[in-house]
C-alpha atoms as a PDB file:
ATOM      1  CA  MET A   1      56.686  41.089   2.055  1.00  0.00           C
ATOM      2  CA  LEU A   2      52.955  39.151   2.665  1.00  0.00           C
ATOM      3  CA  ARG A   3      52.072  42.004  -0.100  1.00  0.00           C
ATOM      4  CA  ASP A   4      54.517  40.528  -2.258  1.00  0.00           C
ATOM      5  CA  ARG A   5      53.763  36.651  -1.825  1.00  0.00           C
ATOM      6  CA  PHE A   6      49.925  37.111  -2.435  1.00  0.00           C
ATOM      7  CA  GLU A   7      50.395  39.421  -5.630  1.00  0.00           C
ATOM      8  CA  ARG A   8      52.149  36.430  -7.128  1.00  0.00           C
ATOM      9  CA  PHE A   9      49.683  33.947  -5.687  1.00  0.00           C
ATOM     10  CA  TYR A  10      46.823  36.087  -7.363  1.00  0.00           C
ATOM     11  CA  GLU A  11      49.437  36.666 -10.716  1.00  0.00           C
ATOM     12  CA  LEU A  12      49.931  32.461 -10.904  1.00  0.00           C
ATOM     13  CA  MET A  13      45.909  31.959 -10.818  1.00  0.00           C
ATOM     14  CA  ARG A  14      45.716  34.180 -13.430  1.00  0.00           C
ATOM     15  CA  GLN A  15      47.744  32.540 -16.137  1.00  0.00           C
ATOM     16  CA  PRO A  16      46.068  29.843 -18.211  1.00  0.00           C
ATOM     17  CA  LYS A  17      45.910  25.460 -16.771  1.00  0.00           C
ATOM     18  CA  GLU A  18      47.722  23.236 -18.828  1.00  0.00           C
ATOM     19  CA  SER A  19      45.695  20.821 -20.229  1.00  0.00           C
ATOM     20  CA  LYS A  20      47.526  17.291 -19.778  1.00  0.00           C
ATOM     21  CA  GLN A  21      46.154  14.680 -21.594  1.00  0.00           C
ATOM     22  CA  ILE A  22      45.275  11.516 -19.193  1.00  0.00           C
ATOM     23  CA  ALA A  23      44.404   8.308 -20.286  1.00  0.00           C
ATOM     24  CA  SER A  24      41.352   6.869 -18.287  1.00  0.00           C
ATOM     25  CA  THR A  25      41.731   2.827 -17.309  1.00  0.00           C
ATOM     26  CA  ALA A  26      39.183   1.005 -15.881  1.00  0.00           C
ATOM     27  CA  PHE A  27      38.643   1.550 -11.767  1.00  0.00           C
ATOM     28  CA  ALA A  28      37.723  -2.153 -12.013  1.00  0.00           C
ATOM     29  CA  ALA A  29      41.209  -3.544 -13.559  1.00  0.00           C
ATOM     30  CA  THR A  30      43.169  -1.253 -10.652  1.00  0.00           C
ATOM     31  CA  ALA A  31      40.956  -2.403  -8.296  1.00  0.00           C
ATOM     32  CA  ASP A  32      41.605  -5.956  -8.574  1.00  0.00           C
ATOM     33  CA  ALA A  33      45.283  -5.778  -9.061  1.00  0.00           C
ATOM     34  CA  PHE A  34      44.974  -3.851  -6.006  1.00  0.00           C
ATOM     35  CA  LEU A  35      42.873  -6.432  -4.182  1.00  0.00           C
ATOM     36  CA  ASP A  36      45.450  -9.519  -5.715  1.00  0.00           C
ATOM     37  CA  TRP A  37      48.197  -7.354  -3.771  1.00  0.00           C
ATOM     38  CA  VAL A  38      45.784  -6.866  -0.113  1.00  0.00           C
ATOM     39  CA  LYS A  39      45.209 -10.386  -0.575  1.00  0.00           C
ATOM     40  CA  THR A  40      48.247 -11.889  -0.464  1.00  0.00           C
ATOM     41  CA  ASN A  41      50.539  -8.944   1.860  1.00  0.00           C
ATOM     42  CA  ARG A  42      47.853  -8.356   4.211  1.00  0.00           C
ATOM     43  CA  ALA A  43      45.323  -9.801   6.518  1.00  0.00           C
ATOM     44  CA  GLU A  44      41.937 -11.638   5.644  1.00  0.00           C
ATOM     45  CA  ASP A  45      39.905  -9.187   7.643  1.00  0.00           C
ATOM     46  CA  THR A  46      41.664  -6.126   5.442  1.00  0.00           C
ATOM     47  CA  TYR A  47      41.441  -7.907   2.108  1.00  0.00           C
ATOM     48  CA  GLU A  48      37.516  -8.202   3.004  1.00  0.00           C
ATOM     49  CA  TRP A  49      37.037  -4.655   3.920  1.00  0.00           C
ATOM     50  CA  TYR A  50      38.597  -3.446   0.820  1.00  0.00           C
ATOM     51  CA  ARG A  51      36.808  -6.105  -0.903  1.00  0.00           C
ATOM     52  CA  LEU A  52      33.225  -5.021   0.530  1.00  0.00           C
ATOM     53  CA  ALA A  53      34.362  -1.345  -0.179  1.00  0.00           C
ATOM     54  CA  ILE A  54      35.656  -1.599  -3.663  1.00  0.00           C
ATOM     55  CA  GLN A  55      32.342  -4.046  -4.588  1.00  0.00           C
ATOM     56  CA  LEU A  56      30.045  -0.678  -3.309  1.00  0.00           C
ATOM     57  CA  THR A  57      31.916   1.409  -5.235  1.00  0.00           C
ATOM     58  CA  GLU A  58      31.524  -0.815  -8.544  1.00  0.00           C
ATOM     59  CA  SER A  59      27.804  -1.280  -7.270  1.00  0.00           C
ATOM     60  CA  ILE A  60      26.824   2.746  -7.852  1.00  0.00           C
ATOM     61  CA  ASP A  61      28.966   3.157 -10.544  1.00  0.00           C
ATOM     62  CA  SER A  62      30.186   0.141 -12.758  1.00  0.00           C
ATOM     63  CA  HIS A  63      31.555   1.970 -15.479  1.00  0.00           C
ATOM     64  CA  LEU A  64      34.568   4.289 -13.400  1.00  0.00           C
ATOM     65  CA  LYS A  65      37.119   5.228 -14.471  1.00  0.00           C
ATOM     66  CA  CYS A  66      40.749   6.216 -13.679  1.00  0.00           C
ATOM     67  CA  ARG A  67      41.892   9.206 -14.648  1.00  0.00           C
ATOM     68  CA  TYR A  68      45.980   8.097 -12.766  1.00  0.00           C
ATOM     69  CA  CYS A  69      46.053   4.808 -11.831  1.00  0.00           C
ATOM     70  CA  PRO A  70      49.567   3.279 -12.797  1.00  0.00           C
ATOM     71  CA  PRO A  71      49.893  -0.480 -12.617  1.00  0.00           C
ATOM     72  CA  VAL A  72      49.427  -1.412  -9.048  1.00  0.00           C
ATOM     73  CA  ALA A  73      52.540  -3.756  -9.425  1.00  0.00           C
ATOM     74  CA  LYS A  74      54.573  -0.625  -9.790  1.00  0.00           C
ATOM     75  CA  TRP A  75      53.522   1.362  -6.927  1.00  0.00           C
ATOM     76  CA  LEU A  76      52.965  -0.211  -4.394  1.00  0.00           C
ATOM     77  CA  PRO A  77      56.335  -2.266  -3.557  1.00  0.00           C
ATOM     78  CA  SER A  78      58.021   1.336  -3.723  1.00  0.00           C
ATOM     79  CA  LEU A  79      56.769   2.269  -0.411  1.00  0.00           C
ATOM     80  CA  LYS A  80      58.314   0.364   1.421  1.00  0.00           C
ATOM     81  CA  ALA A  81      61.383   2.545   0.411  1.00  0.00           C
ATOM     82  CA  VAL A  82      59.740   5.248   0.960  1.00  0.00           C
ATOM     83  CA  PHE A  83      57.457   4.664   4.273  1.00  0.00           C
ATOM     84  CA  GLY A  84      58.715   1.351   5.471  1.00  0.00           C
ATOM     85  CA  PHE A  85      55.637  -0.468   4.859  1.00  0.00           C
ATOM     86  CA  VAL A  86      53.858  -2.659   2.931  1.00  0.00           C
END
């Protein structure tokens, strides 16, 4: 039984990967939207922590792109429904 699972695993690993076309979005735009949300929904200290972390990240590489950054306004409210917080 275990051997069958390993064989299946290696069979799947040998298959070519499907390439998906994913649009790049500027990290800064997504980060700004996230910070706006944090500012209105979280404590001042939380906002400041994220602001400094994002600022440091952007100072290292100002041309960062998100390979998958859906609009923040769409996915943040869903966290409450799924996890019971936001």
